[in-house]
N, C-alpha and C. Protein backbone atom coordinates (compact mmCIF):
# COMPACT_ATOMS: atom_id res chain seq x y z
N MET A 1 14.96 -4.28 3.36
CA MET A 1 14.57 -3.63 4.18
C MET A 1 12.79 -3.48 3.93
N PRO A 2 12.10 -4.45 4.89
CA PRO A 2 10.74 -4.15 4.76
C PRO A 2 10.59 -2.94 5.69
N CYS A 3 9.76 -2.18 5.27
CA CYS A 3 8.90 -0.94 5.50
C CYS A 3 7.58 -0.84 6.43
N GLU A 4 7.13 0.06 7.28
CA GLU A 4 5.86 0.37 7.41
C GLU A 4 5.38 -1.25 8.64
N ILE A 5 6.57 -2.06 8.79
CA ILE A 5 6.44 -2.86 9.85
C ILE A 5 7.97 -2.63 10.83
N ALA A 6 7.06 -3.29 12.33
CA ALA A 6 8.21 -2.21 13.29
C ALA A 6 9.24 -3.11 13.56
N ASP A 7 8.93 -4.64 13.67
CA ASP A 7 10.05 -5.56 13.46
C ASP A 7 10.43 -6.21 12.68
N GLY A 8 10.79 -5.06 11.22
CA GLY A 8 11.21 -5.84 10.11
C GLY A 8 12.77 -6.46 10.03
N VAL A 9 12.58 -7.65 9.30
CA VAL A 9 14.14 -8.15 9.32
C VAL A 9 14.54 -8.19 8.06
N PRO A 10 15.99 -7.56 7.71
CA PRO A 10 16.42 -6.78 6.15
C PRO A 10 15.97 -8.82 5.56
N PHE A 11 15.51 -8.60 4.38
CA PHE A 11 15.31 -10.14 3.70
C PHE A 11 16.39 -10.70 3.41
N ASP A 12 17.92 -10.61 3.09
CA ASP A 12 18.58 -11.24 3.18
C ASP A 12 19.18 -12.05 4.49
N GLN A 13 18.22 -11.49 5.82
CA GLN A 13 18.64 -12.34 6.87
C GLN A 13 17.59 -12.76 7.30
N ASP A 14 16.44 -12.65 6.78
CA ASP A 14 15.20 -13.41 7.36
C ASP A 14 15.30 -14.91 7.21
N LEU A 15 15.60 -15.49 8.02
CA LEU A 15 15.12 -17.47 7.82
C LEU A 15 14.24 -17.96 8.28
N THR A 16 13.50 -17.08 9.05
CA THR A 16 11.89 -17.55 9.67
C THR A 16 10.79 -17.67 8.58
N TYR A 17 10.91 -17.15 7.98
CA TYR A 17 9.73 -17.15 6.46
C TYR A 17 10.72 -17.95 5.12
N ALA A 18 11.55 -18.38 5.15
CA ALA A 18 12.92 -18.73 4.09
C ALA A 18 11.67 -19.91 3.06
N SER A 19 10.66 -20.67 3.70
CA SER A 19 9.91 -21.65 3.18
C SER A 19 9.63 -21.10 1.36
N TYR A 20 9.13 -21.78 0.31
CA TYR A 20 8.56 -21.69 -0.40
C TYR A 20 7.10 -22.74 -0.94
N ASP A 21 6.47 -22.04 -0.91
CA ASP A 21 5.35 -23.13 -1.57
C ASP A 21 4.93 -22.54 -2.44
N ARG A 22 4.96 -23.35 -3.64
CA ARG A 22 4.61 -22.99 -5.10
C ARG A 22 3.23 -22.37 -5.15
N ASP A 23 2.17 -23.32 -4.93
CA ASP A 23 0.89 -23.29 -4.83
C ASP A 23 0.05 -22.21 -4.26
N HIS A 24 0.69 -21.69 -2.86
CA HIS A 24 0.04 -20.86 -2.23
C HIS A 24 0.89 -19.40 -2.64
N ALA A 25 2.14 -19.21 -3.38
CA ALA A 25 2.79 -18.03 -4.26
C ALA A 25 1.68 -17.99 -5.32
N ASN A 26 1.77 -18.97 -6.19
CA ASN A 26 0.80 -18.83 -7.16
C ASN A 26 -0.89 -18.49 -6.98
N ARG A 27 -1.42 -18.86 -6.14
CA ARG A 27 -2.56 -18.36 -5.69
C ARG A 27 -2.64 -16.69 -5.02
N PHE A 28 -1.57 -16.49 -4.18
CA PHE A 28 -1.27 -14.92 -3.95
C PHE A 28 -1.11 -14.13 -4.84
N TRP A 29 -0.73 -14.46 -6.40
CA TRP A 29 -0.36 -13.94 -7.29
C TRP A 29 -1.73 -13.63 -7.91
N ARG A 30 -2.36 -14.21 -8.41
CA ARG A 30 -3.80 -14.61 -9.10
C ARG A 30 -4.42 -13.81 -8.06
N ILE A 31 -4.63 -13.55 -6.71
CA ILE A 31 -5.47 -12.32 -5.81
C ILE A 31 -4.96 -11.08 -6.22
N LEU A 32 -3.42 -11.09 -6.49
CA LEU A 32 -2.84 -9.39 -6.73
C LEU A 32 -3.82 -9.35 -8.13
N LEU A 33 -3.57 -10.37 -9.13
CA LEU A 33 -3.50 -9.90 -10.55
C LEU A 33 -5.08 -9.43 -10.52
N SER A 34 -5.95 -10.03 -9.88
CA SER A 34 -7.63 -10.12 -9.94
C SER A 34 -7.93 -8.32 -8.94
N SER A 35 -7.20 -8.41 -8.16
CA SER A 35 -7.30 -6.95 -7.49
C SER A 35 -6.59 -5.69 -8.43
N TYR A 36 -5.35 -6.13 -9.05
CA TYR A 36 -5.23 -5.30 -10.02
C TYR A 36 -6.10 -4.97 -10.73
N GLY A 37 -6.79 -5.96 -11.74
CA GLY A 37 -7.95 -5.13 -12.52
C GLY A 37 -9.20 -4.47 -12.04
N VAL A 38 -9.56 -4.95 -10.50
CA VAL A 38 -10.29 -3.96 -9.95
C VAL A 38 -10.02 -2.57 -9.40
N LEU A 39 -8.60 -2.55 -9.07
CA LEU A 39 -8.29 -1.20 -8.76
C LEU A 39 -7.70 -0.18 -10.24
N THR A 40 -7.54 -0.78 -11.45
CA THR A 40 -7.71 -0.39 -12.05
C THR A 40 -8.64 0.51 -12.79
N LEU A 41 -9.90 -0.39 -12.93
CA LEU A 41 -11.10 0.04 -13.43
C LEU A 41 -11.49 1.12 -12.19
N PHE A 42 -11.43 0.85 -11.21
CA PHE A 42 -11.72 2.14 -9.93
C PHE A 42 -10.76 3.43 -10.52
N ARG A 43 -9.94 3.42 -11.10
CA ARG A 43 -8.95 4.46 -11.32
C ARG A 43 -9.33 5.06 -12.48
N THR A 44 -10.34 4.77 -13.40
CA THR A 44 -10.43 5.02 -14.65
C THR A 44 -11.11 6.04 -14.75
N ALA A 45 -12.43 6.09 -14.17
CA ALA A 45 -13.30 6.83 -13.78
C ALA A 45 -12.97 8.64 -12.86
N PHE A 46 -12.23 8.70 -12.72
CA PHE A 46 -11.54 9.80 -12.04
C PHE A 46 -10.81 10.73 -12.63
N LEU A 47 -11.21 11.97 -12.93
CA LEU A 47 -11.20 12.98 -13.95
C LEU A 47 -9.90 13.82 -13.34
N GLY A 48 -9.31 13.42 -12.01
CA GLY A 48 -8.28 14.40 -11.41
C GLY A 48 -6.87 13.40 -11.30
N LYS A 49 -5.91 13.80 -10.82
CA LYS A 49 -5.04 13.83 -10.93
C LYS A 49 -4.93 11.91 -10.18
N VAL A 50 -4.19 11.01 -10.58
CA VAL A 50 -4.66 9.55 -9.74
C VAL A 50 -2.96 8.84 -9.89
N SER A 51 -2.74 7.60 -9.35
CA SER A 51 -1.72 6.77 -9.37
C SER A 51 -1.75 6.03 -10.22
N PRO A 52 -0.77 5.57 -10.27
CA PRO A 52 -1.23 3.76 -11.06
C PRO A 52 -1.32 2.99 -9.82
N VAL A 53 -1.93 1.79 -10.27
CA VAL A 53 -1.82 0.86 -8.99
C VAL A 53 -0.52 0.12 -8.61
N HIS A 54 0.02 0.19 -7.56
CA HIS A 54 1.27 0.07 -7.29
C HIS A 54 1.30 -0.81 -5.53
N PHE A 55 2.88 -1.55 -5.49
CA PHE A 55 2.41 -2.67 -4.79
C PHE A 55 3.92 -2.12 -3.86
N PHE A 56 3.29 -2.15 -2.59
CA PHE A 56 4.06 -1.87 -1.34
C PHE A 56 4.96 -3.01 -0.71
N CYS A 57 6.06 -3.31 -1.38
CA CYS A 57 6.82 -5.01 -0.59
C CYS A 57 6.71 -4.92 0.88
N GLY A 58 6.97 -3.80 1.30
CA GLY A 58 7.07 -4.22 2.85
C GLY A 58 6.24 -4.63 3.97
N SER A 59 5.12 -3.64 3.44
CA SER A 59 3.71 -4.39 3.78
C SER A 59 2.85 -4.94 3.01
N PHE A 60 2.94 -5.60 1.81
CA PHE A 60 2.47 -6.15 0.91
C PHE A 60 0.83 -5.81 0.73
N ASP A 61 0.90 -4.52 0.20
CA ASP A 61 -0.20 -3.81 0.03
C ASP A 61 -0.48 -3.41 -1.46
N LEU A 62 -1.85 -3.67 -2.11
CA LEU A 62 -1.37 -3.17 -3.81
C LEU A 62 -2.55 -1.82 -3.38
N ALA A 63 -2.52 -1.04 -4.00
CA ALA A 63 -3.47 0.31 -3.72
C ALA A 63 -3.52 1.40 -4.95
N VAL A 64 -4.02 1.85 -5.16
CA VAL A 64 -4.04 3.20 -6.08
C VAL A 64 -4.65 4.21 -5.17
N THR A 65 -4.14 5.75 -5.81
CA THR A 65 -4.64 6.43 -4.85
C THR A 65 -4.81 7.92 -5.75
N ARG A 66 -6.00 8.53 -5.46
CA ARG A 66 -6.71 9.33 -6.05
C ARG A 66 -6.14 10.68 -5.23
N PHE A 67 -5.91 12.21 -5.99
CA PHE A 67 -5.31 13.26 -5.22
C PHE A 67 -6.45 14.14 -5.82
N SER A 68 -6.99 14.86 -4.76
CA SER A 68 -8.38 16.03 -4.89
C SER A 68 -7.29 17.57 -5.24
N GLY A 69 -6.40 17.44 -5.22
CA GLY A 69 -5.66 18.60 -5.32
C GLY A 69 -5.71 19.83 -3.94
N ARG A 70 -6.60 19.72 -3.37
CA ARG A 70 -6.59 20.56 -2.14
C ARG A 70 -5.81 20.22 -1.06
N ARG A 71 -5.10 21.22 -0.32
CA ARG A 71 -4.63 21.06 0.47
C ARG A 71 -4.89 20.09 1.60
N SER A 72 -4.51 19.35 2.55
CA SER A 72 -4.98 18.28 3.30
C SER A 72 -5.14 19.41 4.78
N ALA A 73 -6.28 18.79 5.67
CA ALA A 73 -6.74 19.30 6.87
C ALA A 73 -6.10 18.88 7.96
N ALA A 74 -6.07 17.49 7.69
CA ALA A 74 -5.52 16.64 8.72
C ALA A 74 -4.04 16.63 8.76
N SER A 75 -3.48 16.73 10.29
CA SER A 75 -2.20 16.42 9.98
C SER A 75 -1.29 15.05 9.48
N PRO A 76 -0.35 15.19 8.93
CA PRO A 76 -0.16 13.93 7.95
C PRO A 76 0.23 12.77 9.33
N PRO A 77 0.56 11.45 8.80
CA PRO A 77 0.57 10.81 9.68
C PRO A 77 2.12 10.76 10.07
N GLY A 78 2.68 10.41 10.89
CA GLY A 78 4.01 10.22 11.12
C GLY A 78 4.30 9.01 12.23
N GLY A 79 5.47 8.64 12.13
CA GLY A 79 6.30 7.40 13.34
C GLY A 79 5.66 5.74 12.75
N ILE A 80 5.91 6.30 10.88
CA ILE A 80 5.63 5.00 10.42
C ILE A 80 6.77 4.33 10.38
N PRO A 81 7.20 2.78 10.84
CA PRO A 81 8.78 2.16 11.09
C PRO A 81 9.28 1.84 9.39
N HIS A 82 10.45 2.45 9.92
CA HIS A 82 11.31 2.55 8.41
C HIS A 82 10.73 3.59 7.59
N LEU A 83 10.31 4.60 8.06
CA LEU A 83 9.72 5.57 6.74
C LEU A 83 9.54 7.05 7.46
N PRO A 84 10.47 7.81 6.33
CA PRO A 84 11.07 8.96 7.53
C PRO A 84 9.67 10.03 7.36
N ASP A 85 9.30 10.56 8.23
CA ASP A 85 8.26 11.45 8.88
C ASP A 85 8.25 12.88 7.58
N THR A 86 9.38 13.09 6.85
CA THR A 86 9.12 13.90 5.71
C THR A 86 9.09 13.25 4.47
N VAL A 87 8.88 11.84 4.50
CA VAL A 87 8.36 11.22 3.25
C VAL A 87 6.75 11.43 3.33
N ALA A 88 6.21 10.90 4.67
CA ALA A 88 5.05 11.07 5.31
C ALA A 88 4.46 12.21 4.73
N ARG A 89 5.15 13.56 5.34
CA ARG A 89 4.46 14.47 5.06
C ARG A 89 4.37 15.38 3.44
N GLU A 90 5.21 14.74 2.72
CA GLU A 90 5.06 14.94 1.18
C GLU A 90 4.45 14.04 0.72
N ALA A 91 3.61 13.03 1.04
CA ALA A 91 2.72 11.95 0.17
C ALA A 91 1.45 12.46 0.81
N TYR A 92 1.34 12.92 2.04
CA TYR A 92 0.17 13.31 2.45
C TYR A 92 -0.20 14.53 2.47
N SER A 93 0.61 15.76 1.84
CA SER A 93 0.34 17.17 1.82
C SER A 93 -0.97 17.89 1.40
N HIS A 94 -1.26 16.56 0.62
CA HIS A 94 -2.47 17.27 0.01
C HIS A 94 -3.83 16.02 0.00
N GLU A 95 -4.92 16.21 0.09
CA GLU A 95 -5.87 15.49 0.34
C GLU A 95 -6.18 13.73 -0.76
N VAL A 96 -5.97 13.18 -0.09
CA VAL A 96 -6.14 11.87 -1.02
C VAL A 96 -7.26 11.22 -0.34
N SER A 97 -7.39 9.95 -1.81
CA SER A 97 -8.01 8.88 -1.35
C SER A 97 -7.70 7.69 -1.98
N SER A 98 -7.32 6.61 -0.71
CA SER A 98 -6.62 5.40 -1.17
C SER A 98 -7.62 4.69 -1.37
N ALA A 99 -7.38 3.30 -2.02
CA ALA A 99 -8.21 2.22 -2.02
C ALA A 99 -7.19 0.74 -2.10
N GLY A 100 -7.39 0.05 -1.87
CA GLY A 100 -6.53 -1.16 -2.31
C GLY A 100 -6.62 -2.19 -1.57
N PHE A 101 -6.07 -3.21 -1.77
CA PHE A 101 -6.15 -4.51 -1.01
C PHE A 101 -4.76 -4.93 0.01
N TRP A 102 -4.78 -5.13 1.32
CA TRP A 102 -4.08 -5.54 2.31
C TRP A 102 -4.48 -6.79 2.74
N PRO A 103 -3.58 -7.76 2.28
CA PRO A 103 -3.97 -9.18 2.71
C PRO A 103 -3.43 -9.40 4.29
N GLY A 104 -3.87 -10.47 4.48
CA GLY A 104 -3.37 -11.13 6.10
C GLY A 104 -3.95 -10.32 7.42
N SER A 105 -4.25 -9.14 7.59
CA SER A 105 -4.55 -8.43 8.48
C SER A 105 -5.98 -9.12 9.26
N GLY A 106 -7.01 -9.29 8.56
CA GLY A 106 -8.10 -9.83 8.58
C GLY A 106 -9.02 -8.47 8.99
N GLU A 107 -8.99 -7.32 8.84
CA GLU A 107 -9.42 -5.92 9.00
C GLU A 107 -9.65 -5.18 7.79
N ALA A 108 -10.90 -4.71 7.92
CA ALA A 108 -11.26 -4.28 6.56
C ALA A 108 -10.67 -2.65 7.22
N VAL A 109 -9.82 -1.86 5.76
CA VAL A 109 -9.26 -0.49 6.11
C VAL A 109 -9.80 0.16 5.21
N LEU A 110 -10.09 1.53 5.74
CA LEU A 110 -10.66 2.96 5.20
C LEU A 110 -9.93 4.11 4.78
N ASP A 111 -8.96 4.21 4.14
CA ASP A 111 -7.91 5.80 4.51
C ASP A 111 -9.06 6.83 3.66
N ALA A 112 -9.15 7.82 4.08
CA ALA A 112 -10.03 8.99 3.31
C ALA A 112 -9.43 10.17 4.07
N SER A 113 -7.97 10.18 3.63
CA SER A 113 -7.23 11.58 4.38
C SER A 113 -7.56 12.69 3.82
């Protein structure tokens, strides 16, 4: 089941997007591979706790997160589709800075919680 998507359809029931274009899939894979290299380089210069580069299959984003170790002053996000608020509270209990590649939206996103 896709997460972080309000109208997500379970993968085994999604017949709308069931086509497969080998060329497009290969192009997307190459973009992810290039982005992975950039994000890996980005994480190496940080001396604190940092996540590995990770892929979220629900929203199809590739990201890396740096953790400062300081408690977050901001309230953790809530109301993310198919993601329990307890998970969001735990994930954002401390100050974080994430960088990543989010395909398809056409928007630039900066999250420095």
